[in-house]
Amino acid sequence: MIAYPIGISGQCLVFSTGVLNHLAKHRQTHWWHAEAGGQLFARFEVPNIVVEKATGPRKSDRRSRFCYVPNRSIEQREINQLHGEGLHFIGDWHTHPESIPSPSYWDAESMRDLFNRSDHKLNGIVLAIVGRESFPLALSVWVYAGAEVIKLSQSGL
């Protein structure tokens, strides 16, 4: 597992081993690998937010070397189904063909839009970007809270 403290909130975003394994198997380690992505779902175990499930990629997603466009209707079905299982949608993940990834302009705009148009009670929406290197170096985690963007740094848990 990898943990990321969330600012001064006292909360910690914790990625389970199963989620890390799922993300790692979609790294773009070769030039022919297309971007992959999906959604992140967590349980709230105060003060921790434990990411227990990562969905995607799906056959109906549009994918290329530098682009990932999810099937939004399937994503909504995932949100509804997993909420019924006690998991809460907290954000998205996708890959980048970079060793140490960072969000693109389009990533930032997409996350701001998602935060603003979604019906949620979250303080922010998570974006995890998976790079080519091994974890934890290649896992870049950001929280989008309206106009505010926070890069999370790994803790020593």
Protein backbone atom coordinates (compact mmCIF):
# COMPACT_ATOMS: atom_id res chain seq x y z
CA MET A 1 0.00 0.00 0.00
CA ILE A 2 0.99 3.61 -0.56
CA ALA A 3 -0.36 6.47 1.57
CA TYR A 4 -0.67 10.18 0.76
CA PRO A 5 -1.47 12.69 3.54
CA ILE A 6 -4.08 15.23 2.40
CA GLY A 7 -2.74 18.65 3.36
CA ILE A 8 -3.39 19.64 6.97
CA SER A 9 -6.74 17.84 7.08
CA GLY A 10 -5.38 14.93 9.11
CA GLN A 11 -6.78 12.59 6.46
CA CYS A 12 -4.72 10.18 4.41
CA LEU A 13 -5.45 8.72 0.97
CA VAL A 14 -4.34 5.08 1.04
CA PHE A 15 -4.02 2.98 -2.14
CA SER A 16 -4.53 -0.73 -1.43
CA THR A 17 -2.14 -3.32 -2.85
CA GLY A 18 -4.87 -4.66 -5.15
CA VAL A 19 -5.45 -1.21 -6.65
CA LEU A 20 -1.71 -0.63 -7.07
CA ASN A 21 -1.39 -3.96 -8.89
CA HIS A 22 -4.30 -3.04 -11.19
CA LEU A 23 -2.76 0.34 -12.03
CA ALA A 24 0.73 -1.07 -12.53
CA LYS A 25 -0.36 -3.64 -15.09
CA HIS A 26 -1.55 -0.83 -17.38
CA ARG A 27 1.67 1.23 -17.37
CA GLN A 28 2.71 2.43 -20.84
CA THR A 29 6.12 0.78 -20.86
CA HIS A 30 6.37 0.42 -24.67
CA TRP A 31 5.74 2.87 -27.51
CA TRP A 32 2.73 0.89 -28.76
CA HIS A 33 0.87 0.90 -25.42
CA ALA A 34 -2.24 3.09 -25.42
CA GLU A 35 -3.32 5.20 -22.45
CA ALA A 36 -5.58 3.37 -20.04
CA GLY A 37 -7.78 4.66 -17.26
CA GLY A 38 -10.80 4.30 -15.08
CA GLN A 39 -12.34 5.34 -11.81
CA LEU A 40 -11.24 5.12 -8.17
CA PHE A 41 -13.52 3.92 -5.37
CA ALA A 42 -12.86 4.08 -1.64
CA ARG A 43 -14.14 3.35 1.83
CA PHE A 44 -13.98 6.12 4.41
CA GLU A 45 -12.21 4.74 7.49
CA VAL A 46 -11.60 8.03 9.28
CA PRO A 47 -9.00 9.45 9.15
CA ASN A 48 -8.11 7.28 6.13
CA ILE A 49 -9.71 7.19 2.70
CA VAL A 50 -8.84 3.68 1.53
CA VAL A 51 -8.89 3.22 -2.25
CA GLU A 52 -10.09 -0.36 -2.61
CA LYS A 53 -11.15 -0.54 -6.27
CA ALA A 54 -9.93 0.83 -9.58
CA THR A 55 -12.09 0.18 -12.64
CA GLY A 56 -11.14 0.24 -16.32
CA PRO A 57 -9.96 0.30 -18.90
CA ARG A 58 -13.05 -0.85 -20.78
CA LYS A 59 -13.37 -2.09 -24.37
CA SER A 60 -15.73 0.81 -25.11
CA ASP A 61 -13.20 3.49 -24.00
CA ARG A 62 -11.38 5.43 -26.73
CA ARG A 63 -7.64 4.97 -26.32
CA SER A 64 -4.47 5.99 -28.13
CA ARG A 65 -0.85 6.63 -27.20
CA PHE A 66 -1.60 10.13 -25.88
CA CYS A 67 -5.35 10.09 -25.29
CA TYR A 68 -7.88 8.34 -23.09
CA VAL A 69 -11.63 9.04 -23.30
CA PRO A 70 -13.78 6.87 -21.02
CA ASN A 71 -17.27 5.61 -21.72
CA ARG A 72 -19.18 7.92 -19.35
CA SER A 73 -22.42 5.91 -19.34
CA ILE A 74 -20.57 2.79 -18.19
CA GLU A 75 -18.75 4.88 -15.59
CA GLN A 76 -22.07 6.05 -14.16
CA ARG A 77 -23.24 2.43 -13.93
CA GLU A 78 -20.01 1.57 -12.07
CA ILE A 79 -20.64 4.43 -9.63
CA ASN A 80 -24.20 3.25 -8.97
CA GLN A 81 -23.22 -0.42 -8.57
CA LEU A 82 -20.20 0.13 -6.34
CA HIS A 83 -22.02 2.67 -4.17
CA GLY A 84 -24.46 -0.14 -3.42
CA GLU A 85 -21.47 -2.16 -2.22
CA GLY A 86 -20.37 0.59 0.17
CA LEU A 87 -17.69 2.11 -2.07
CA HIS A 88 -17.63 5.81 -2.91
CA PHE A 89 -16.43 7.32 -6.18
CA ILE A 90 -13.51 9.63 -5.33
CA GLY A 91 -11.92 10.32 -8.72
CA ASP A 92 -10.19 9.00 -11.81
CA TRP A 93 -6.92 7.40 -12.83
CA HIS A 94 -5.15 7.08 -16.15
CA THR A 95 -1.71 6.44 -17.58
CA HIS A 96 0.77 8.75 -19.26
CA PRO A 97 3.74 7.72 -21.42
CA GLU A 98 6.09 9.61 -19.06
CA SER A 99 8.48 8.21 -16.48
CA ILE A 100 7.22 10.54 -13.76
CA PRO A 101 3.79 11.80 -14.84
CA SER A 102 2.11 15.14 -14.33
CA PRO A 103 -1.35 16.34 -15.37
CA SER A 104 -1.79 17.90 -18.79
CA TYR A 105 -3.85 21.04 -19.34
CA TRP A 106 -6.73 18.81 -20.47
CA ASP A 107 -6.41 16.62 -17.37
CA ALA A 108 -6.73 19.68 -15.14
CA GLU A 109 -9.71 21.07 -17.06
CA SER A 110 -11.44 17.68 -17.03
CA MET A 111 -11.00 17.28 -13.26
CA ARG A 112 -12.21 20.82 -12.52
CA ASP A 113 -15.26 20.16 -14.68
CA LEU A 114 -15.87 16.81 -12.97
CA PHE A 115 -15.66 18.44 -9.53
CA ASN A 116 -18.03 21.25 -10.49
CA ARG A 117 -20.69 19.19 -12.29
CA SER A 118 -20.77 16.11 -10.04
CA ASP A 119 -23.31 15.55 -7.29
CA HIS A 120 -21.04 14.76 -4.34
CA LYS A 121 -20.14 15.75 -0.81
CA LEU A 122 -16.38 15.52 -1.32
CA ASN A 123 -13.93 18.33 -0.58
CA GLY A 124 -12.06 17.39 -3.75
CA ILE A 125 -11.80 14.91 -6.60
CA VAL A 126 -8.69 12.71 -6.91
CA LEU A 127 -6.66 12.26 -10.09
CA ALA A 128 -4.02 9.52 -10.05
CA ILE A 129 -1.68 9.41 -13.04
CA VAL A 130 0.40 6.30 -13.65
CA GLY A 131 3.79 6.75 -15.33
CA ARG A 132 6.25 4.25 -16.81
CA GLU A 133 8.50 3.83 -13.77
CA SER A 134 7.81 1.57 -10.80
CA PHE A 135 5.68 2.72 -7.89
CA PRO A 136 5.76 4.86 -5.84
CA LEU A 137 7.85 7.09 -8.14
CA ALA A 138 5.46 6.73 -11.09
CA LEU A 139 2.23 7.36 -9.17
CA SER A 140 1.35 11.05 -9.26
CA VAL A 141 -1.68 11.96 -7.12
CA TRP A 142 -3.57 15.26 -7.26
CA VAL A 143 -6.70 16.61 -5.60
CA TYR A 144 -8.91 19.07 -7.48
CA ALA A 145 -11.19 21.20 -5.30
CA GLY A 146 -12.75 23.76 -7.60
CA ALA A 147 -10.03 26.27 -8.47
CA GLU A 148 -7.60 24.76 -5.95
CA VAL A 149 -5.23 21.99 -7.06
CA ILE A 150 -3.16 20.07 -4.51
CA LYS A 151 -0.33 17.67 -5.36
CA LEU A 152 -0.12 14.94 -2.74
CA SER A 153 3.21 13.52 -1.58
CA GLN A 154 3.70 9.99 -0.34
CA SER A 155 4.06 9.41 3.40
CA GLY A 156 6.27 6.88 5.10
CA LEU A 157 3.40 4.56 6.16
